[in-house]
Amino acid sequence: MPEEDLVELKFRLYDGSDIGPFRYSPASTVAMLKERIVAEWPKDKKVAPKAANDVKLISAGKILENNKTVAQCKMPFGELPKGVITMHAVVQPSLAKAKTEKKVDETPKKNVCSCSIL
């Protein structure tokens, strides 16, 4: 693939630091980008994804779906000549895991009501 066809992306983290920039083929999927983000995530960060599904990518105010390609995601930026596109990477643990943890944390509370008539 010619060098000029590659799309240059960087990923902005929650604290303002960046991962990248890296060059990707327009045929690369969002799922592939997320895997790279997990692999390149700085080890010194307090919040870190455990898997690619823990990462949400946001571009132009929209959460990107895993099956979309880079070419489909960069549409609004088509007029930028060889610019680096910044996407925001947000860590959000998977819902199934969060629901399980929530059930463990919630212990049934006894409703105690007492009335005293004097």
Protein backbone atom coordinates (compact mmCIF):
# COMPACT_ATOMS: atom_id res chain seq x y z
CA MET A 1 0.00 0.00 0.00
CA PRO A 2 1.44 3.41 -0.91
CA GLU A 3 2.62 5.50 2.04
CA GLU A 4 0.28 8.36 1.10
CA ASP A 5 -2.83 6.18 1.54
CA LEU A 6 -2.09 5.51 5.21
CA VAL A 7 -4.04 7.45 7.84
CA GLU A 8 -2.12 8.91 10.77
CA LEU A 9 -3.92 8.61 14.12
CA LYS A 10 -3.11 9.43 17.72
CA PHE A 11 -5.17 8.59 20.77
CA ARG A 12 -5.78 11.09 23.58
CA LEU A 13 -6.10 9.58 27.06
CA TYR A 14 -8.15 10.79 30.03
CA ASP A 15 -5.24 12.81 31.47
CA GLY A 16 -4.39 14.62 28.24
CA SER A 17 -1.40 12.45 27.28
CA ASP A 18 -1.28 10.75 23.88
CA ILE A 19 -0.55 7.32 22.44
CA GLY A 20 0.91 7.58 18.98
CA PRO A 21 0.79 8.86 16.29
CA PHE A 22 0.67 5.65 14.29
CA ARG A 23 -0.10 5.03 10.63
CA TYR A 24 -2.94 2.72 9.72
CA SER A 25 -4.39 1.32 6.53
CA PRO A 26 -7.86 2.70 5.73
CA ALA A 27 -9.08 -0.92 5.86
CA SER A 28 -8.05 -1.32 9.54
CA THR A 29 -11.01 -1.80 11.86
CA VAL A 30 -11.77 0.04 15.10
CA ALA A 31 -11.31 -3.30 16.93
CA MET A 32 -7.72 -3.44 15.61
CA LEU A 33 -7.10 0.12 16.84
CA LYS A 34 -8.39 -0.80 20.30
CA GLU A 35 -6.06 -3.81 20.48
CA ARG A 36 -3.12 -1.55 19.66
CA ILE A 37 -4.22 0.96 22.31
CA VAL A 38 -4.33 -1.77 24.98
CA ALA A 39 -0.87 -2.98 23.93
CA GLU A 40 0.61 0.55 23.95
CA TRP A 41 -1.19 1.82 27.10
CA PRO A 42 1.36 3.43 29.49
CA LYS A 43 2.08 1.17 32.48
CA ASP A 44 2.22 4.08 34.96
CA LYS A 45 -1.46 5.06 34.55
CA LYS A 46 -3.86 4.36 37.43
CA VAL A 47 -6.74 3.55 35.07
CA ALA A 48 -5.88 0.95 32.45
CA PRO A 49 -7.95 -1.28 30.16
CA LYS A 50 -7.65 -5.03 30.64
CA ALA A 51 -9.03 -5.87 27.19
CA ALA A 52 -9.93 -4.14 23.93
CA ASN A 53 -13.62 -4.19 24.91
CA ASP A 54 -12.80 -1.92 27.88
CA VAL A 55 -11.80 0.89 25.48
CA LYS A 56 -14.28 3.24 23.81
CA LEU A 57 -12.94 5.30 20.91
CA ILE A 58 -14.53 8.67 20.27
CA SER A 59 -14.01 10.64 17.07
CA ALA A 60 -15.89 13.81 16.12
CA GLY A 61 -18.14 13.32 19.15
CA LYS A 62 -19.25 9.81 18.17
CA ILE A 63 -18.43 6.47 19.79
CA LEU A 64 -16.93 4.28 17.08
CA GLU A 65 -18.23 0.76 16.49
CA ASN A 66 -15.75 -2.14 16.37
CA ASN A 67 -16.74 -3.24 12.86
CA LYS A 68 -16.16 0.20 11.25
CA THR A 69 -12.98 0.82 9.28
CA VAL A 70 -10.61 3.75 9.60
CA ALA A 71 -11.77 4.97 6.19
CA GLN A 72 -15.39 5.08 7.41
CA CYS A 73 -14.39 6.90 10.62
CA LYS A 74 -12.31 9.60 8.98
CA MET A 75 -15.04 10.83 6.63
CA PRO A 76 -15.53 14.24 8.33
CA PHE A 77 -11.79 14.85 8.14
CA GLY A 78 -11.42 14.06 4.44
CA GLU A 79 -10.34 17.60 3.57
CA LEU A 80 -7.35 17.66 5.95
CA PRO A 81 -4.18 17.26 3.90
CA LYS A 82 -1.98 14.71 5.66
CA GLY A 83 -3.09 15.81 9.12
CA VAL A 84 -2.93 13.68 12.26
CA ILE A 85 -6.41 12.69 13.43
CA THR A 86 -6.88 12.66 17.21
CA MET A 87 -9.32 10.17 18.69
CA HIS A 88 -10.20 10.05 22.37
CA ALA A 89 -9.68 6.75 24.18
CA VAL A 90 -11.92 6.23 27.21
CA VAL A 91 -11.65 3.27 29.57
CA GLN A 92 -15.02 1.77 30.43
CA PRO A 93 -15.10 -1.70 32.00
CA SER A 94 -17.42 -4.16 30.30
CA LEU A 95 -21.05 -4.13 31.48
CA ALA A 96 -21.24 -7.84 32.35
CA LYS A 97 -18.30 -7.46 34.70
CA ALA A 98 -19.70 -4.30 36.28
CA LYS A 99 -23.10 -5.95 36.90
CA THR A 100 -21.44 -8.94 38.57
CA GLU A 101 -19.38 -6.70 40.83
CA LYS A 102 -22.43 -4.64 41.68
CA LYS A 103 -24.37 -7.71 42.80
CA VAL A 104 -21.54 -8.74 45.10
CA ASP A 105 -21.30 -5.28 46.67
CA GLU A 106 -25.02 -4.97 47.35
CA THR A 107 -25.90 -6.85 50.50
CA PRO A 108 -29.57 -7.06 51.33
CA LYS A 109 -30.45 -4.48 53.92
CA LYS A 110 -33.05 -5.22 56.53
CA ASN A 111 -35.79 -2.68 56.79
CA VAL A 112 -36.28 -2.00 60.45
CA CYS A 113 -39.20 0.09 61.47
CA SER A 114 -40.18 0.66 65.01
CA CYS A 115 -43.04 2.64 66.40
CA SER A 116 -43.54 3.61 69.98
CA ILE A 117 -46.94 4.70 71.21
CA LEU A 118 -46.83 6.49 74.50
